[in-house]
N, C-alpha and C. Protein backbone atom coordinates (compact mmCIF):
# COMPACT_ATOMS: atom_id res chain seq x y z
N MET A 1 -0.78 -4.26 -23.48
CA MET A 1 -2.16 -3.90 -23.18
C MET A 1 -2.27 -2.38 -23.26
N ASN A 2 -3.25 -1.87 -24.01
CA ASN A 2 -3.38 -0.42 -24.13
C ASN A 2 -3.98 0.17 -22.86
N THR A 3 -3.91 1.48 -22.76
CA THR A 3 -4.31 2.16 -21.53
C THR A 3 -5.79 1.97 -21.22
N ALA A 4 -6.64 2.07 -22.22
CA ALA A 4 -8.09 1.91 -21.98
C ALA A 4 -8.41 0.50 -21.50
N THR A 5 -7.79 -0.50 -22.09
CA THR A 5 -8.01 -1.88 -21.69
C THR A 5 -7.53 -2.10 -20.26
N ARG A 6 -6.36 -1.57 -19.95
CA ARG A 6 -5.81 -1.70 -18.60
C ARG A 6 -6.73 -1.03 -17.58
N THR A 7 -7.22 0.16 -17.91
CA THR A 7 -8.10 0.87 -17.00
C THR A 7 -9.39 0.09 -16.77
N ASN A 8 -9.98 -0.45 -17.83
CA ASN A 8 -11.19 -1.25 -17.70
C ASN A 8 -10.94 -2.49 -16.85
N TYR A 9 -9.82 -3.17 -17.10
CA TYR A 9 -9.47 -4.36 -16.32
C TYR A 9 -9.32 -4.00 -14.85
N LEU A 10 -8.59 -2.93 -14.60
CA LEU A 10 -8.35 -2.51 -13.22
C LEU A 10 -9.65 -2.15 -12.52
N THR A 11 -10.50 -1.42 -13.21
CA THR A 11 -11.78 -1.04 -12.62
C THR A 11 -12.59 -2.28 -12.26
N THR A 12 -12.63 -3.25 -13.15
CA THR A 12 -13.36 -4.49 -12.89
C THR A 12 -12.74 -5.23 -11.72
N GLU A 13 -11.42 -5.31 -11.68
CA GLU A 13 -10.72 -6.01 -10.60
C GLU A 13 -11.04 -5.38 -9.25
N VAL A 14 -11.00 -4.06 -9.18
CA VAL A 14 -11.27 -3.37 -7.92
C VAL A 14 -12.73 -3.49 -7.53
N MET A 15 -13.63 -3.32 -8.48
CA MET A 15 -15.06 -3.34 -8.17
C MET A 15 -15.55 -4.72 -7.75
N THR A 16 -14.85 -5.77 -8.16
CA THR A 16 -15.30 -7.13 -7.82
C THR A 16 -14.47 -7.77 -6.71
N ALA A 17 -13.47 -7.06 -6.22
CA ALA A 17 -12.59 -7.63 -5.19
C ALA A 17 -13.28 -7.63 -3.83
N SER A 18 -12.93 -8.63 -3.04
CA SER A 18 -13.41 -8.70 -1.67
C SER A 18 -12.72 -7.60 -0.85
N PRO A 19 -13.26 -7.26 0.30
CA PRO A 19 -12.58 -6.28 1.17
C PRO A 19 -11.16 -6.71 1.52
N GLN A 20 -10.96 -8.01 1.74
CA GLN A 20 -9.62 -8.50 2.08
C GLN A 20 -8.66 -8.29 0.91
N ARG A 21 -9.12 -8.57 -0.29
CA ARG A 21 -8.29 -8.40 -1.48
C ARG A 21 -7.98 -6.92 -1.72
N LEU A 22 -8.96 -6.06 -1.47
CA LEU A 22 -8.72 -4.62 -1.61
C LEU A 22 -7.65 -4.15 -0.63
N GLN A 23 -7.71 -4.65 0.59
CA GLN A 23 -6.69 -4.30 1.59
C GLN A 23 -5.32 -4.74 1.11
N LEU A 24 -5.24 -5.96 0.60
CA LEU A 24 -3.98 -6.47 0.07
C LEU A 24 -3.49 -5.59 -1.08
N MET A 25 -4.38 -5.17 -1.94
CA MET A 25 -3.99 -4.32 -3.07
C MET A 25 -3.43 -2.98 -2.57
N LEU A 26 -4.04 -2.43 -1.54
CA LEU A 26 -3.53 -1.18 -0.97
C LEU A 26 -2.13 -1.37 -0.40
N ILE A 27 -1.94 -2.43 0.34
CA ILE A 27 -0.62 -2.71 0.92
C ILE A 27 0.42 -2.86 -0.17
N GLU A 28 0.09 -3.60 -1.23
CA GLU A 28 1.02 -3.78 -2.34
C GLU A 28 1.34 -2.44 -3.01
N GLY A 29 0.33 -1.57 -3.12
CA GLY A 29 0.56 -0.24 -3.68
C GLY A 29 1.50 0.59 -2.82
N ALA A 30 1.35 0.50 -1.51
CA ALA A 30 2.24 1.24 -0.60
C ALA A 30 3.67 0.73 -0.71
N ILE A 31 3.83 -0.59 -0.81
CA ILE A 31 5.16 -1.17 -0.95
C ILE A 31 5.81 -0.69 -2.25
N ARG A 32 5.06 -0.78 -3.35
CA ARG A 32 5.61 -0.35 -4.65
C ARG A 32 6.03 1.12 -4.61
N SER A 33 5.18 1.95 -4.02
CA SER A 33 5.49 3.38 -3.94
C SER A 33 6.75 3.64 -3.11
N ALA A 34 6.87 2.96 -1.99
CA ALA A 34 8.06 3.13 -1.14
C ALA A 34 9.32 2.65 -1.85
N GLU A 35 9.21 1.54 -2.56
CA GLU A 35 10.37 1.03 -3.30
C GLU A 35 10.75 1.97 -4.44
N ARG A 36 9.76 2.56 -5.09
CA ARG A 36 10.05 3.53 -6.16
C ARG A 36 10.73 4.77 -5.58
N ALA A 37 10.31 5.17 -4.38
CA ALA A 37 10.93 6.34 -3.74
C ALA A 37 12.41 6.07 -3.49
N ARG A 38 12.72 4.88 -3.01
CA ARG A 38 14.13 4.54 -2.77
C ARG A 38 14.91 4.60 -4.09
N ALA A 39 14.36 4.03 -5.13
CA ALA A 39 15.03 4.05 -6.43
C ALA A 39 15.24 5.48 -6.90
N ALA A 40 14.24 6.33 -6.69
CA ALA A 40 14.36 7.73 -7.09
C ALA A 40 15.46 8.44 -6.30
N TRP A 41 15.55 8.16 -5.00
CA TRP A 41 16.64 8.73 -4.20
C TRP A 41 17.99 8.35 -4.79
N HIS A 42 18.14 7.08 -5.10
CA HIS A 42 19.42 6.58 -5.61
C HIS A 42 19.73 7.13 -6.99
N GLU A 43 18.71 7.55 -7.72
CA GLU A 43 18.90 8.16 -9.04
C GLU A 43 19.04 9.68 -8.94
N GLY A 44 18.92 10.21 -7.73
CA GLY A 44 19.03 11.65 -7.53
C GLY A 44 17.78 12.43 -7.90
N ASP A 45 16.65 11.76 -8.04
CA ASP A 45 15.40 12.40 -8.42
C ASP A 45 14.55 12.62 -7.16
N ASP A 46 14.88 13.67 -6.43
CA ASP A 46 14.20 13.94 -5.17
C ASP A 46 12.72 14.27 -5.35
N ALA A 47 12.37 14.93 -6.45
CA ALA A 47 10.96 15.26 -6.69
C ALA A 47 10.13 13.99 -6.87
N ARG A 48 10.65 13.04 -7.62
CA ARG A 48 9.91 11.78 -7.81
C ARG A 48 9.83 11.00 -6.51
N ALA A 49 10.92 11.01 -5.73
CA ALA A 49 10.92 10.31 -4.44
C ALA A 49 9.87 10.93 -3.52
N LEU A 50 9.79 12.23 -3.51
CA LEU A 50 8.80 12.92 -2.68
C LEU A 50 7.39 12.51 -3.09
N ALA A 51 7.12 12.47 -4.38
CA ALA A 51 5.80 12.07 -4.87
C ALA A 51 5.50 10.62 -4.50
N ASP A 52 6.48 9.74 -4.66
CA ASP A 52 6.25 8.32 -4.35
C ASP A 52 6.06 8.09 -2.86
N LEU A 53 6.83 8.76 -2.03
CA LEU A 53 6.63 8.62 -0.59
C LEU A 53 5.28 9.22 -0.17
N GLY A 54 4.90 10.31 -0.81
CA GLY A 54 3.59 10.89 -0.55
C GLY A 54 2.48 9.92 -0.90
N ARG A 55 2.64 9.20 -2.00
CA ARG A 55 1.65 8.20 -2.41
C ARG A 55 1.58 7.08 -1.38
N ALA A 56 2.72 6.61 -0.91
CA ALA A 56 2.74 5.56 0.12
C ALA A 56 2.05 6.04 1.40
N GLN A 57 2.32 7.29 1.78
CA GLN A 57 1.68 7.86 2.98
C GLN A 57 0.18 7.96 2.80
N GLN A 58 -0.27 8.36 1.62
CA GLN A 58 -1.71 8.46 1.36
C GLN A 58 -2.38 7.10 1.47
N ILE A 59 -1.73 6.08 0.94
CA ILE A 59 -2.31 4.75 1.00
C ILE A 59 -2.42 4.29 2.45
N VAL A 60 -1.37 4.49 3.22
CA VAL A 60 -1.41 4.11 4.63
C VAL A 60 -2.50 4.92 5.35
N GLY A 61 -2.63 6.18 5.00
CA GLY A 61 -3.70 7.00 5.57
C GLY A 61 -5.08 6.45 5.24
N GLN A 62 -5.26 5.97 4.00
CA GLN A 62 -6.53 5.34 3.62
C GLN A 62 -6.80 4.10 4.45
N MET A 63 -5.76 3.31 4.66
CA MET A 63 -5.92 2.09 5.45
C MET A 63 -6.29 2.44 6.89
N LEU A 64 -5.67 3.46 7.43
CA LEU A 64 -5.97 3.90 8.80
C LEU A 64 -7.41 4.40 8.91
N ALA A 65 -7.83 5.18 7.95
CA ALA A 65 -9.18 5.74 7.98
C ALA A 65 -10.25 4.66 7.83
N ALA A 66 -9.91 3.54 7.23
CA ALA A 66 -10.89 2.49 6.97
C ALA A 66 -11.08 1.54 8.15
N ILE A 67 -10.32 1.70 9.20
CA ILE A 67 -10.44 0.80 10.35
C ILE A 67 -11.79 1.02 11.02
N ASP A 68 -12.50 -0.08 11.21
CA ASP A 68 -13.80 -0.04 11.90
C ASP A 68 -13.60 -0.63 13.29
N SER A 69 -13.73 0.22 14.29
CA SER A 69 -13.46 -0.25 15.65
C SER A 69 -14.66 -0.92 16.32
N ALA A 70 -15.83 -0.82 15.72
CA ALA A 70 -17.03 -1.36 16.36
C ALA A 70 -16.96 -2.86 16.68
N PRO A 71 -16.57 -3.71 15.74
CA PRO A 71 -16.60 -5.14 16.04
C PRO A 71 -15.57 -5.60 17.07
N ALA A 72 -14.39 -4.97 17.05
CA ALA A 72 -13.31 -5.41 17.96
C ALA A 72 -12.44 -4.20 18.31
N PRO A 73 -12.84 -3.42 19.29
CA PRO A 73 -12.12 -2.18 19.62
C PRO A 73 -10.64 -2.37 19.94
N GLU A 74 -10.32 -3.41 20.68
CA GLU A 74 -8.91 -3.63 21.05
C GLU A 74 -8.07 -3.97 19.83
N LEU A 75 -8.58 -4.83 18.97
CA LEU A 75 -7.87 -5.17 17.74
C LEU A 75 -7.73 -3.94 16.85
N ALA A 76 -8.78 -3.16 16.73
CA ALA A 76 -8.74 -1.94 15.93
C ALA A 76 -7.67 -0.98 16.45
N ARG A 77 -7.57 -0.87 17.76
CA ARG A 77 -6.56 0.01 18.36
C ARG A 77 -5.16 -0.46 18.01
N LYS A 78 -4.93 -1.76 18.06
CA LYS A 78 -3.61 -2.31 17.73
C LYS A 78 -3.27 -2.11 16.26
N VAL A 79 -4.23 -2.35 15.39
CA VAL A 79 -4.00 -2.16 13.95
C VAL A 79 -3.76 -0.68 13.66
N ALA A 80 -4.53 0.18 14.28
CA ALA A 80 -4.33 1.62 14.10
C ALA A 80 -2.93 2.03 14.54
N GLY A 81 -2.44 1.43 15.61
CA GLY A 81 -1.08 1.72 16.07
C GLY A 81 -0.03 1.33 15.03
N ILE A 82 -0.25 0.20 14.38
CA ILE A 82 0.68 -0.24 13.34
C ILE A 82 0.66 0.76 12.18
N TYR A 83 -0.54 1.15 11.74
CA TYR A 83 -0.64 2.05 10.61
C TYR A 83 -0.13 3.45 10.95
N LEU A 84 -0.33 3.90 12.20
CA LEU A 84 0.25 5.18 12.62
C LEU A 84 1.77 5.11 12.63
N PHE A 85 2.31 3.98 13.10
CA PHE A 85 3.76 3.79 13.05
C PHE A 85 4.26 3.89 11.61
N LEU A 86 3.57 3.20 10.70
CA LEU A 86 3.96 3.24 9.28
C LEU A 86 3.93 4.66 8.74
N PHE A 87 2.85 5.35 9.01
CA PHE A 87 2.70 6.72 8.51
C PHE A 87 3.83 7.61 9.03
N ARG A 88 4.07 7.54 10.32
CA ARG A 88 5.11 8.35 10.96
C ARG A 88 6.49 7.99 10.42
N THR A 89 6.74 6.71 10.24
CA THR A 89 8.05 6.26 9.75
C THR A 89 8.28 6.70 8.31
N LEU A 90 7.24 6.65 7.49
CA LEU A 90 7.36 7.14 6.11
C LEU A 90 7.62 8.65 6.09
N LEU A 91 6.97 9.39 7.00
CA LEU A 91 7.21 10.83 7.10
C LEU A 91 8.66 11.11 7.49
N GLU A 92 9.17 10.36 8.47
CA GLU A 92 10.55 10.55 8.92
C GLU A 92 11.54 10.18 7.81
N ALA A 93 11.25 9.11 7.10
CA ALA A 93 12.12 8.71 5.99
C ALA A 93 12.18 9.83 4.96
N ASP A 94 11.04 10.41 4.68
CA ASP A 94 10.96 11.49 3.69
C ASP A 94 11.69 12.74 4.20
N ALA A 95 11.42 13.12 5.42
CA ALA A 95 12.00 14.35 5.97
C ALA A 95 13.52 14.30 6.05
N HIS A 96 14.08 13.12 6.31
CA HIS A 96 15.53 13.00 6.50
C HIS A 96 16.21 12.20 5.39
N ARG A 97 15.44 11.83 4.38
CA ARG A 97 15.95 11.00 3.28
C ARG A 97 16.71 9.80 3.88
N ASP A 98 15.99 9.09 4.72
CA ASP A 98 16.57 8.06 5.57
C ASP A 98 16.21 6.66 5.08
N ASP A 99 17.20 5.98 4.50
CA ASP A 99 16.99 4.62 4.00
C ASP A 99 16.62 3.66 5.13
N ALA A 100 17.19 3.85 6.31
CA ALA A 100 16.90 2.94 7.42
C ALA A 100 15.43 3.05 7.84
N LYS A 101 14.89 4.26 7.87
CA LYS A 101 13.47 4.44 8.21
C LYS A 101 12.59 3.83 7.11
N LEU A 102 13.00 3.99 5.87
CA LEU A 102 12.24 3.39 4.78
C LEU A 102 12.27 1.87 4.89
N ASP A 103 13.42 1.32 5.27
CA ASP A 103 13.53 -0.13 5.49
C ASP A 103 12.57 -0.60 6.58
N GLU A 104 12.48 0.19 7.68
CA GLU A 104 11.56 -0.17 8.77
C GLU A 104 10.13 -0.24 8.26
N ALA A 105 9.73 0.78 7.52
CA ALA A 105 8.36 0.82 7.01
C ALA A 105 8.12 -0.35 6.04
N LEU A 106 9.07 -0.61 5.18
CA LEU A 106 8.90 -1.70 4.22
C LEU A 106 8.84 -3.06 4.92
N ARG A 107 9.61 -3.23 5.96
CA ARG A 107 9.57 -4.50 6.71
C ARG A 107 8.17 -4.74 7.28
N VAL A 108 7.57 -3.71 7.85
CA VAL A 108 6.23 -3.84 8.42
C VAL A 108 5.20 -4.03 7.30
N LEU A 109 5.32 -3.28 6.22
CA LEU A 109 4.39 -3.43 5.10
C LEU A 109 4.46 -4.84 4.50
N ARG A 110 5.64 -5.38 4.40
CA ARG A 110 5.78 -6.74 3.85
C ARG A 110 5.17 -7.78 4.79
N ALA A 111 5.31 -7.57 6.08
CA ALA A 111 4.67 -8.48 7.04
C ALA A 111 3.14 -8.37 6.93
N GLU A 112 2.64 -7.17 6.76
CA GLU A 112 1.20 -6.97 6.56
C GLU A 112 0.75 -7.66 5.28
N ARG A 113 1.55 -7.51 4.23
CA ARG A 113 1.19 -8.15 2.96
C ARG A 113 1.10 -9.66 3.13
N GLU A 114 2.05 -10.24 3.82
CA GLU A 114 2.04 -11.68 4.03
C GLU A 114 0.79 -12.12 4.80
N THR A 115 0.45 -11.37 5.83
CA THR A 115 -0.74 -11.67 6.62
C THR A 115 -2.00 -11.62 5.76
N TRP A 116 -2.15 -10.57 4.97
CA TRP A 116 -3.34 -10.43 4.13
C TRP A 116 -3.35 -11.44 2.99
N GLN A 117 -2.19 -11.81 2.48
CA GLN A 117 -2.14 -12.86 1.46
C GLN A 117 -2.66 -14.17 2.04
N GLN A 118 -2.21 -14.50 3.24
CA GLN A 118 -2.67 -15.74 3.88
C GLN A 118 -4.17 -15.70 4.12
N LEU A 119 -4.68 -14.57 4.56
CA LEU A 119 -6.11 -14.45 4.78
C LEU A 119 -6.88 -14.63 3.47
N CYS A 120 -6.41 -13.99 2.42
CA CYS A 120 -7.08 -14.12 1.12
C CYS A 120 -7.04 -15.57 0.63
N GLU A 121 -5.92 -16.24 0.84
CA GLU A 121 -5.82 -17.65 0.43
C GLU A 121 -6.81 -18.52 1.20
N ARG A 122 -6.91 -18.28 2.49
CA ARG A 122 -7.83 -19.06 3.32
C ARG A 122 -9.29 -18.82 2.93
N LEU A 123 -9.57 -17.59 2.53
CA LEU A 123 -10.94 -17.25 2.17
C LEU A 123 -11.22 -17.47 0.68
N GLY A 124 -10.17 -17.87 -0.05
CA GLY A 124 -10.35 -18.12 -1.48
C GLY A 124 -10.50 -16.86 -2.30
N ASN A 125 -9.83 -15.78 -1.89
CA ASN A 125 -9.95 -14.51 -2.60
C ASN A 125 -8.80 -14.24 -3.56
N GLY A 126 -7.94 -15.20 -3.80
CA GLY A 126 -6.84 -15.00 -4.73
C GLY A 126 -5.86 -13.96 -4.27
N ALA A 127 -4.80 -14.40 -3.63
CA ALA A 127 -3.82 -13.46 -3.07
C ALA A 127 -2.68 -13.16 -4.01
N GLU A 128 -2.58 -13.90 -5.11
CA GLU A 128 -1.47 -13.65 -6.03
C GLU A 128 -1.74 -12.39 -6.83
N PRO A 129 -0.87 -11.39 -6.72
CA PRO A 129 -1.10 -10.15 -7.44
C PRO A 129 -0.91 -10.35 -8.94
N ASP A 130 -1.77 -9.73 -9.72
CA ASP A 130 -1.67 -9.74 -11.16
C ASP A 130 -0.63 -8.70 -11.56
N PRO A 131 0.40 -9.05 -12.34
CA PRO A 131 1.44 -8.09 -12.69
C PRO A 131 0.88 -6.86 -13.40
N THR A 132 -0.08 -7.03 -14.26
CA THR A 132 -0.69 -5.90 -14.96
C THR A 132 -1.38 -4.99 -13.97
N LEU A 133 -2.11 -5.58 -13.06
CA LEU A 133 -2.81 -4.82 -12.04
C LEU A 133 -1.82 -4.09 -11.15
N SER A 134 -0.74 -4.75 -10.79
CA SER A 134 0.26 -4.15 -9.91
C SER A 134 0.86 -2.90 -10.52
N GLU A 135 1.04 -2.88 -11.82
CA GLU A 135 1.61 -1.70 -12.47
C GLU A 135 0.63 -0.54 -12.46
N ALA A 136 -0.65 -0.84 -12.58
CA ALA A 136 -1.65 0.21 -12.71
C ALA A 136 -2.23 0.67 -11.38
N LEU A 137 -2.17 -0.12 -10.36
CA LEU A 137 -2.88 0.15 -9.11
C LEU A 137 -2.51 1.45 -8.42
N PRO A 138 -1.24 1.86 -8.31
CA PRO A 138 -0.95 3.05 -7.50
C PRO A 138 -1.75 4.28 -7.92
N GLY A 139 -1.91 4.52 -9.19
CA GLY A 139 -2.68 5.68 -9.62
C GLY A 139 -4.13 5.59 -9.20
N LEU A 140 -4.73 4.42 -9.34
CA LEU A 140 -6.13 4.25 -9.00
C LEU A 140 -6.36 4.34 -7.50
N SER A 141 -5.49 3.72 -6.73
CA SER A 141 -5.73 3.67 -5.29
C SER A 141 -5.68 5.05 -4.65
N LEU A 142 -5.05 5.98 -5.30
CA LEU A 142 -4.96 7.32 -4.72
C LEU A 142 -5.98 8.29 -5.30
N GLU A 143 -6.46 8.02 -6.49
CA GLU A 143 -7.34 8.95 -7.14
C GLU A 143 -8.80 8.52 -7.06
N ALA A 144 -9.02 7.28 -6.68
CA ALA A 144 -10.40 6.77 -6.64
C ALA A 144 -11.14 7.29 -5.44
């Protein structure tokens, strides 16, 4: 698939996605970025790892900023705590090049992904990620 076609597909996918599906897409983007950072560390490419961890942190920051506390303040507080934990853990992983901290963040992100996948399935929003979309999403989720 050429770049223009992929961009058009991605734009359509994002613009027509439900809020639940968009949340799932963000979580998947954070997971991919964190996994790429680990791979970059193991390849000795610290600059790429820094960029990938920064991307994961930005995505988590977007998720935190999007929390609406009006409908359920207590739930919002708990979710914000999870996202703050993720953000802090990704920062610590980056600062100390710590695989264990990265594992902690990935474990929580994967649990979040599972939760949002189940929600999307129940609501009929299609939780199965499109491989083409998964490759293109990190750039869009941070620049949009």
